[in-house]
Amino acid sequence: MKYTVVIEKGRESGYVAHVPALRGCVSQGQTKDETLVNIKEAIEAYIEALLEDGLPVPTEVGREMVQVEVSAR
């Protein structure tokens, strides 16, 4: 399975990652690489918990990532 992961600079330090298709699936790390490793583990644990509870695993369908530039007034 493939999921979109959004990585953002943390407020104070490091990075924070979340998975839009998996509500509440969030992780963090000091570097982008560490954050990616951590979010992958979080995704695996999230999916495992869903399966154990007999719940459906969300799939990511029809997501399109675009960047929009706006000007400040």
PDB file of N, CA and C in Angstrom:
ATOM      1  N   MET A   1       0.845  -1.180   0.000  1.00  0.00           N
ATOM      2  CA  MET A   1       0.000   0.000   0.000  1.00  0.00           C
ATOM      3  C   MET A   1       0.889   1.241   0.000  1.00  0.00           C
ATOM      4  N   LYS A   2       0.392   2.268  -0.668  1.00  0.00           N
ATOM      5  CA  LYS A   2       1.121   3.531  -0.697  1.00  0.00           C
ATOM      6  C   LYS A   2       0.223   4.635  -0.156  1.00  0.00           C
ATOM      7  N   TYR A   3       0.815   5.501   0.652  1.00  0.00           N
ATOM      8  CA  TYR A   3       0.088   6.623   1.232  1.00  0.00           C
ATOM      9  C   TYR A   3       0.896   7.895   1.064  1.00  0.00           C
ATOM     10  N   THR A   4       0.184   9.003   0.908  1.00  0.00           N
ATOM     11  CA  THR A   4       0.829  10.310   0.892  1.00  0.00           C
ATOM     12  C   THR A   4       1.192  10.676   2.324  1.00  0.00           C
ATOM     13  N   VAL A   5       2.425  11.117   2.509  1.00  0.00           N
ATOM     14  CA  VAL A   5       2.903  11.567   3.815  1.00  0.00           C
ATOM     15  C   VAL A   5       3.277  13.038   3.686  1.00  0.00           C
ATOM     16  N   VAL A   6       2.760  13.855   4.586  1.00  0.00           N
ATOM     17  CA  VAL A   6       3.071  15.281   4.598  1.00  0.00           C
ATOM     18  C   VAL A   6       4.072  15.521   5.721  1.00  0.00           C
ATOM     19  N   ILE A   7       5.223  16.097   5.361  1.00  0.00           N
ATOM     20  CA  ILE A   7       6.261  16.401   6.347  1.00  0.00           C
ATOM     21  C   ILE A   7       6.388  17.911   6.448  1.00  0.00           C
ATOM     22  N   GLU A   8       6.350  18.390   7.673  1.00  0.00           N
ATOM     23  CA  GLU A   8       6.479  19.828   7.925  1.00  0.00           C
ATOM     24  C   GLU A   8       7.533  20.079   8.987  1.00  0.00           C
ATOM     25  N   LYS A   9       8.162  21.215   8.895  1.00  0.00           N
ATOM     26  CA  LYS A   9       9.132  21.627   9.911  1.00  0.00           C
ATOM     27  C   LYS A   9       8.382  21.795  11.222  1.00  0.00           C
ATOM     28  N   GLY A  10       8.953  21.274  12.301  1.00  0.00           N
ATOM     29  CA  GLY A  10       8.323  21.410  13.609  1.00  0.00           C
ATOM     30  C   GLY A  10       8.344  22.850  14.100  1.00  0.00           C
ATOM     31  N   ARG A  11       7.468  23.166  15.011  1.00  0.00           N
ATOM     32  CA  ARG A  11       7.404  24.538  15.533  1.00  0.00           C
ATOM     33  C   ARG A  11       8.679  24.957  16.231  1.00  0.00           C
ATOM     34  N   GLU A  12       9.239  24.049  17.020  1.00  0.00           N
ATOM     35  CA  GLU A  12      10.447  24.384  17.775  1.00  0.00           C
ATOM     36  C   GLU A  12      11.688  23.735  17.180  1.00  0.00           C
ATOM     37  N   SER A  13      11.551  22.478  16.755  1.00  0.00           N
ATOM     38  CA  SER A  13      12.689  21.777  16.154  1.00  0.00           C
ATOM     39  C   SER A  13      12.193  20.526  15.458  1.00  0.00           C
ATOM     40  N   GLY A  14      13.057  19.936  14.653  1.00  0.00           N
ATOM     41  CA  GLY A  14      12.735  18.678  14.004  1.00  0.00           C
ATOM     42  C   GLY A  14      11.626  18.811  12.975  1.00  0.00           C
ATOM     43  N   TYR A  15      10.986  17.659  12.695  1.00  0.00           N
ATOM     44  CA  TYR A  15       9.953  17.574  11.675  1.00  0.00           C
ATOM     45  C   TYR A  15       8.770  16.772  12.193  1.00  0.00           C
ATOM     46  N   VAL A  16       7.596  17.045  11.640  1.00  0.00           N
ATOM     47  CA  VAL A  16       6.373  16.334  11.988  1.00  0.00           C
ATOM     48  C   VAL A  16       5.783  15.796  10.690  1.00  0.00           C
ATOM     49  N   ALA A  17       5.312  14.559  10.710  1.00  0.00           N
ATOM     50  CA  ALA A  17       4.708  13.943   9.531  1.00  0.00           C
ATOM     51  C   ALA A  17       3.314  13.442   9.880  1.00  0.00           C
ATOM     52  N   HIS A  18       2.403  13.549   8.906  1.00  0.00           N
ATOM     53  CA  HIS A  18       1.074  12.966   9.071  1.00  0.00           C
ATOM     54  C   HIS A  18       0.607  12.387   7.746  1.00  0.00           C
ATOM     55  N   VAL A  19      -0.368  11.484   7.858  1.00  0.00           N
ATOM     56  CA  VAL A  19      -0.891  10.763   6.703  1.00  0.00           C
ATOM     57  C   VAL A  19      -2.363  11.147   6.560  1.00  0.00           C
ATOM     58  N   PRO A  20      -2.698  11.990   5.578  1.00  0.00           N
ATOM     59  CA  PRO A  20      -4.083  12.454   5.439  1.00  0.00           C
ATOM     60  C   PRO A  20      -5.112  11.328   5.319  1.00  0.00           C
ATOM     61  N   ALA A  21      -4.778  10.237   4.668  1.00  0.00           N
ATOM     62  CA  ALA A  21      -5.735   9.137   4.490  1.00  0.00           C
ATOM     63  C   ALA A  21      -5.961   8.344   5.769  1.00  0.00           C
ATOM     64  N   LEU A  22      -5.055   8.478   6.729  1.00  0.00           N
ATOM     65  CA  LEU A  22      -5.156   7.737   7.994  1.00  0.00           C
ATOM     66  C   LEU A  22      -5.274   8.753   9.129  1.00  0.00           C
ATOM     67  N   ARG A  23      -6.474   9.157   9.406  1.00  0.00           N
ATOM     68  CA  ARG A  23      -6.706  10.215  10.407  1.00  0.00           C
ATOM     69  C   ARG A  23      -6.030   9.895  11.735  1.00  0.00           C
ATOM     70  N   GLY A  24      -5.249  10.846  12.209  1.00  0.00           N
ATOM     71  CA  GLY A  24      -4.580  10.685  13.491  1.00  0.00           C
ATOM     72  C   GLY A  24      -3.247   9.968  13.424  1.00  0.00           C
ATOM     73  N   CYS A  25      -2.835   9.545  12.243  1.00  0.00           N
ATOM     74  CA  CYS A  25      -1.542   8.865  12.095  1.00  0.00           C
ATOM     75  C   CYS A  25      -0.469   9.940  11.934  1.00  0.00           C
ATOM     76  N   VAL A  26       0.273  10.177  13.011  1.00  0.00           N
ATOM     77  CA  VAL A  26       1.251  11.260  13.083  1.00  0.00           C
ATOM     78  C   VAL A  26       2.525  10.744  13.729  1.00  0.00           C
ATOM     79  N   SER A  27       3.665  11.287  13.315  1.00  0.00           N
ATOM     80  CA  SER A  27       4.932  10.962  13.954  1.00  0.00           C
ATOM     81  C   SER A  27       5.869  12.145  13.786  1.00  0.00           C
ATOM     82  N   GLN A  28       7.040  12.032  14.375  1.00  0.00           N
ATOM     83  CA  GLN A  28       8.002  13.126  14.298  1.00  0.00           C
ATOM     84  C   GLN A  28       9.422  12.600  14.380  1.00  0.00           C
ATOM     85  N   GLY A  29      10.374  13.476  14.151  1.00  0.00           N
ATOM     86  CA  GLY A  29      11.778  13.115  14.241  1.00  0.00           C
ATOM     87  C   GLY A  29      12.643  14.352  14.157  1.00  0.00           C
ATOM     88  N   GLN A  30      13.915  14.191  14.451  1.00  0.00           N
ATOM     89  CA  GLN A  30      14.845  15.325  14.412  1.00  0.00           C
ATOM     90  C   GLN A  30      15.267  15.660  12.984  1.00  0.00           C
ATOM     91  N   THR A  31      15.283  14.652  12.100  1.00  0.00           N
ATOM     92  CA  THR A  31      15.651  14.873  10.702  1.00  0.00           C
ATOM     93  C   THR A  31      14.517  14.356   9.817  1.00  0.00           C
ATOM     94  N   LYS A  32      14.546  14.739   8.546  1.00  0.00           N
ATOM     95  CA  LYS A  32      13.519  14.228   7.627  1.00  0.00           C
ATOM     96  C   LYS A  32      13.617  12.710   7.501  1.00  0.00           C
ATOM     97  N   ASP A  33      14.842  12.190   7.410  1.00  0.00           N
ATOM     98  CA  ASP A  33      15.024  10.738   7.294  1.00  0.00           C
ATOM     99  C   ASP A  33      14.467  10.012   8.513  1.00  0.00           C
ATOM    100  N   GLU A  34      14.771  10.512   9.694  1.00  0.00           N
ATOM    101  CA  GLU A  34      14.263   9.899  10.922  1.00  0.00           C
ATOM    102  C   GLU A  34      12.739   9.979  10.962  1.00  0.00           C
ATOM    103  N   THR A  35      12.195  11.092  10.516  1.00  0.00           N
ATOM    104  CA  THR A  35      10.752  11.275  10.495  1.00  0.00           C
ATOM    105  C   THR A  35      10.093  10.279   9.553  1.00  0.00           C
ATOM    106  N   LEU A  36      10.695  10.040   8.391  1.00  0.00           N
ATOM    107  CA  LEU A  36      10.153   9.058   7.454  1.00  0.00           C
ATOM    108  C   LEU A  36      10.163   7.649   8.028  1.00  0.00           C
ATOM    109  N   VAL A  37      11.243   7.286   8.698  1.00  0.00           N
ATOM    110  CA  VAL A  37      11.310   5.969   9.343  1.00  0.00           C
ATOM    111  C   VAL A  37      10.211   5.856  10.397  1.00  0.00           C
ATOM    112  N   ASN A  38      10.056   6.903  11.193  1.00  0.00           N
ATOM    113  CA  ASN A  38       9.065   6.877  12.268  1.00  0.00           C
ATOM    114  C   ASN A  38       7.635   6.837  11.742  1.00  0.00           C
ATOM    115  N   ILE A  39       7.343   7.591  10.675  1.00  0.00           N
ATOM    116  CA  ILE A  39       5.969   7.585  10.160  1.00  0.00           C
ATOM    117  C   ILE A  39       5.658   6.247   9.493  1.00  0.00           C
ATOM    118  N   LYS A  40       6.652   5.618   8.892  1.00  0.00           N
ATOM    119  CA  LYS A  40       6.424   4.289   8.312  1.00  0.00           C
ATOM    120  C   LYS A  40       6.033   3.300   9.410  1.00  0.00           C
ATOM    121  N   GLU A  41       6.729   3.351  10.533  1.00  0.00           N
ATOM    122  CA  GLU A  41       6.382   2.486  11.664  1.00  0.00           C
ATOM    123  C   GLU A  41       4.984   2.810  12.180  1.00  0.00           C
ATOM    124  N   ALA A  42       4.652   4.099  12.220  1.00  0.00           N
ATOM    125  CA  ALA A  42       3.327   4.510  12.693  1.00  0.00           C
ATOM    126  C   ALA A  42       2.233   4.010  11.757  1.00  0.00           C
ATOM    127  N   ILE A  43       2.468   4.074  10.452  1.00  0.00           N
ATOM    128  CA  ILE A  43       1.499   3.576   9.472  1.00  0.00           C
ATOM    129  C   ILE A  43       1.287   2.077   9.667  1.00  0.00           C
ATOM    130  N   GLU A  44       2.374   1.341   9.817  1.00  0.00           N
ATOM    131  CA  GLU A  44       2.270  -0.112  10.004  1.00  0.00           C
ATOM    132  C   GLU A  44       1.482  -0.449  11.267  1.00  0.00           C
ATOM    133  N   ALA A  45       1.746   0.274  12.360  1.00  0.00           N
ATOM    134  CA  ALA A  45       1.031   0.026  13.619  1.00  0.00           C
ATOM    135  C   ALA A  45      -0.440   0.413  13.489  1.00  0.00           C
ATOM    136  N   TYR A  46      -0.722   1.493  12.799  1.00  0.00           N
ATOM    137  CA  TYR A  46      -2.092   1.960  12.578  1.00  0.00           C
ATOM    138  C   TYR A  46      -2.891   0.902  11.826  1.00  0.00           C
ATOM    139  N   ILE A  47      -2.316   0.401  10.726  1.00  0.00           N
ATOM    140  CA  ILE A  47      -3.000  -0.607   9.921  1.00  0.00           C
ATOM    141  C   ILE A  47      -3.179  -1.906  10.705  1.00  0.00           C
ATOM    142  N   GLU A  48      -2.162  -2.297  11.446  1.00  0.00           N
ATOM    143  CA  GLU A  48      -2.254  -3.519  12.260  1.00  0.00           C
ATOM    144  C   GLU A  48      -3.389  -3.402  13.268  1.00  0.00           C
ATOM    145  N   ALA A  49      -3.534  -2.236  13.900  1.00  0.00           N
ATOM    146  CA  ALA A  49      -4.600  -2.035  14.882  1.00  0.00           C
ATOM    147  C   ALA A  49      -5.973  -2.110  14.225  1.00  0.00           C
ATOM    148  N   LEU A  50      -6.102  -1.528  13.026  1.00  0.00           N
ATOM    149  CA  LEU A  50      -7.375  -1.616  12.307  1.00  0.00           C
ATOM    150  C   LEU A  50      -7.730  -3.069  12.018  1.00  0.00           C
ATOM    151  N   LEU A  51      -6.765  -3.821  11.521  1.00  0.00           N
ATOM    152  CA  LEU A  51      -7.006  -5.226  11.180  1.00  0.00           C
ATOM    153  C   LEU A  51      -7.374  -6.045  12.411  1.00  0.00           C
ATOM    154  N   GLU A  52      -6.683  -5.799  13.530  1.00  0.00           N
ATOM    155  CA  GLU A  52      -6.992  -6.520  14.772  1.00  0.00           C
ATOM    156  C   GLU A  52      -8.411  -6.234  15.242  1.00  0.00           C
ATOM    157  N   ASP A  53      -8.880  -4.997  14.984  1.00  0.00           N
ATOM    158  CA  ASP A  53     -10.234  -4.614  15.404  1.00  0.00           C
ATOM    159  C   ASP A  53     -11.287  -4.959  14.353  1.00  0.00           C
ATOM    160  N   GLY A  54     -10.851  -5.579  13.250  1.00  0.00           N
ATOM    161  CA  GLY A  54     -11.787  -5.959  12.205  1.00  0.00           C
ATOM    162  C   GLY A  54     -12.324  -4.782  11.405  1.00  0.00           C
ATOM    163  N   LEU A  55     -11.594  -3.689  11.396  1.00  0.00           N
ATOM    164  CA  LEU A  55     -12.026  -2.494  10.676  1.00  0.00           C
ATOM    165  C   LEU A  55     -11.362  -2.423   9.299  1.00  0.00           C
ATOM    166  N   PRO A  56     -11.999  -1.749   8.354  1.00  0.00           N
ATOM    167  CA  PRO A  56     -11.407  -1.638   7.017  1.00  0.00           C
ATOM    168  C   PRO A  56     -10.177  -0.724   7.018  1.00  0.00           C
ATOM    169  N   VAL A  57      -9.238  -1.049   6.177  1.00  0.00           N
ATOM    170  CA  VAL A  57      -8.030  -0.237   6.030  1.00  0.00           C
ATOM    171  C   VAL A  57      -8.284   0.771   4.912  1.00  0.00           C
ATOM    172  N   PRO A  58      -8.211   2.070   5.222  1.00  0.00           N
ATOM    173  CA  PRO A  58      -8.441   3.077   4.193  1.00  0.00           C
ATOM    174  C   PRO A  58      -7.397   2.984   3.079  1.00  0.00           C
ATOM    175  N   THR A  59      -7.869   3.185   1.867  1.00  0.00           N
ATOM    176  CA  THR A  59      -6.951   3.274   0.743  1.00  0.00           C
ATOM    177  C   THR A  59      -6.956   4.707   0.249  1.00  0.00           C
ATOM    178  N   GLU A  60      -5.889   5.064  -0.380  1.00  0.00           N
ATOM    179  CA  GLU A  60      -5.780   6.423  -0.894  1.00  0.00           C
ATOM    180  C   GLU A  60      -6.151   6.395  -2.369  1.00  0.00           C
ATOM    181  N   VAL A  61      -7.267   7.031  -2.690  1.00  0.00           N
ATOM    182  CA  VAL A  61      -7.761   7.022  -4.058  1.00  0.00           C
ATOM    183  C   VAL A  61      -8.060   8.455  -4.485  1.00  0.00           C
ATOM    184  N   GLY A  62      -7.612   8.798  -5.668  1.00  0.00           N
ATOM    185  CA  GLY A  62      -7.982  10.076  -6.240  1.00  0.00           C
ATOM    186  C   GLY A  62      -7.342  11.290  -5.620  1.00  0.00           C
ATOM    187  N   ARG A  63      -6.273  11.110  -4.872  1.00  0.00           N
ATOM    188  CA  ARG A  63      -5.613  12.262  -4.260  1.00  0.00           C
ATOM    189  C   ARG A  63      -4.661  12.868  -5.273  1.00  0.00           C
ATOM    190  N   GLU A  64      -4.695  14.178  -5.344  1.00  0.00           N
ATOM    191  CA  GLU A  64      -3.798  14.900  -6.231  1.00  0.00           C
ATOM    192  C   GLU A  64      -3.098  15.982  -5.425  1.00  0.00           C
ATOM    193  N   MET A  65      -1.793  16.019  -5.510  1.00  0.00           N
ATOM    194  CA  MET A  65      -1.019  17.028  -4.784  1.00  0.00           C
ATOM    195  C   MET A  65      -0.672  18.158  -5.756  1.00  0.00           C
ATOM    196  N   VAL A  66      -1.049  19.363  -5.388  1.00  0.00           N
ATOM    197  CA  VAL A  66      -0.736  20.535  -6.196  1.00  0.00           C
ATOM    198  C   VAL A  66      -0.224  21.637  -5.277  1.00  0.00           C
ATOM    199  N   GLN A  67       0.568  22.524  -5.850  1.00  0.00           N
ATOM    200  CA  GLN A  67       1.018  23.704  -5.104  1.00  0.00           C
ATOM    201  C   GLN A  67       0.331  24.916  -5.714  1.00  0.00           C
ATOM    202  N   VAL A  68      -0.148  25.785  -4.856  1.00  0.00           N
ATOM    203  CA  VAL A  68      -0.836  26.989  -5.302  1.00  0.00           C
ATOM    204  C   VAL A  68      -0.081  28.176  -4.758  1.00  0.00           C
ATOM    205  N   GLU A  69       0.262  29.107  -5.636  1.00  0.00           N
ATOM    206  CA  GLU A  69       0.964  30.316  -5.202  1.00  0.00           C
ATOM    207  C   GLU A  69      -0.034  31.458  -5.150  1.00  0.00           C
ATOM    208  N   VAL A  70      -0.031  32.183  -4.052  1.00  0.00           N
ATOM    209  CA  VAL A  70      -0.908  33.346  -3.897  1.00  0.00           C
ATOM    210  C   VAL A  70      -0.059  34.545  -3.527  1.00  0.00           C
ATOM    211  N   SER A  71      -0.557  35.720  -3.811  1.00  0.00           N
ATOM    212  CA  SER A  71       0.179  36.926  -3.443  1.00  0.00           C
ATOM    213  C   SER A  71      -0.479  37.550  -2.232  1.00  0.00           C
ATOM    214  N   ALA A  72       0.351  38.111  -1.368  1.00  0.00           N
ATOM    215  CA  ALA A  72      -0.156  38.799  -0.170  1.00  0.00           C
ATOM    216  C   ALA A  72      -0.625  40.195  -0.584  1.00  0.00           C
ATOM    217  N   ARG A  73      -1.653  40.655   0.013  1.00  0.00           N
ATOM    218  CA  ARG A  73      -2.187  41.992  -0.329  1.00  0.00           C
ATOM    219  C   ARG A  73      -1.641  43.033   0.578  1.00  0.00           C
TER     220      ARG A  73
END
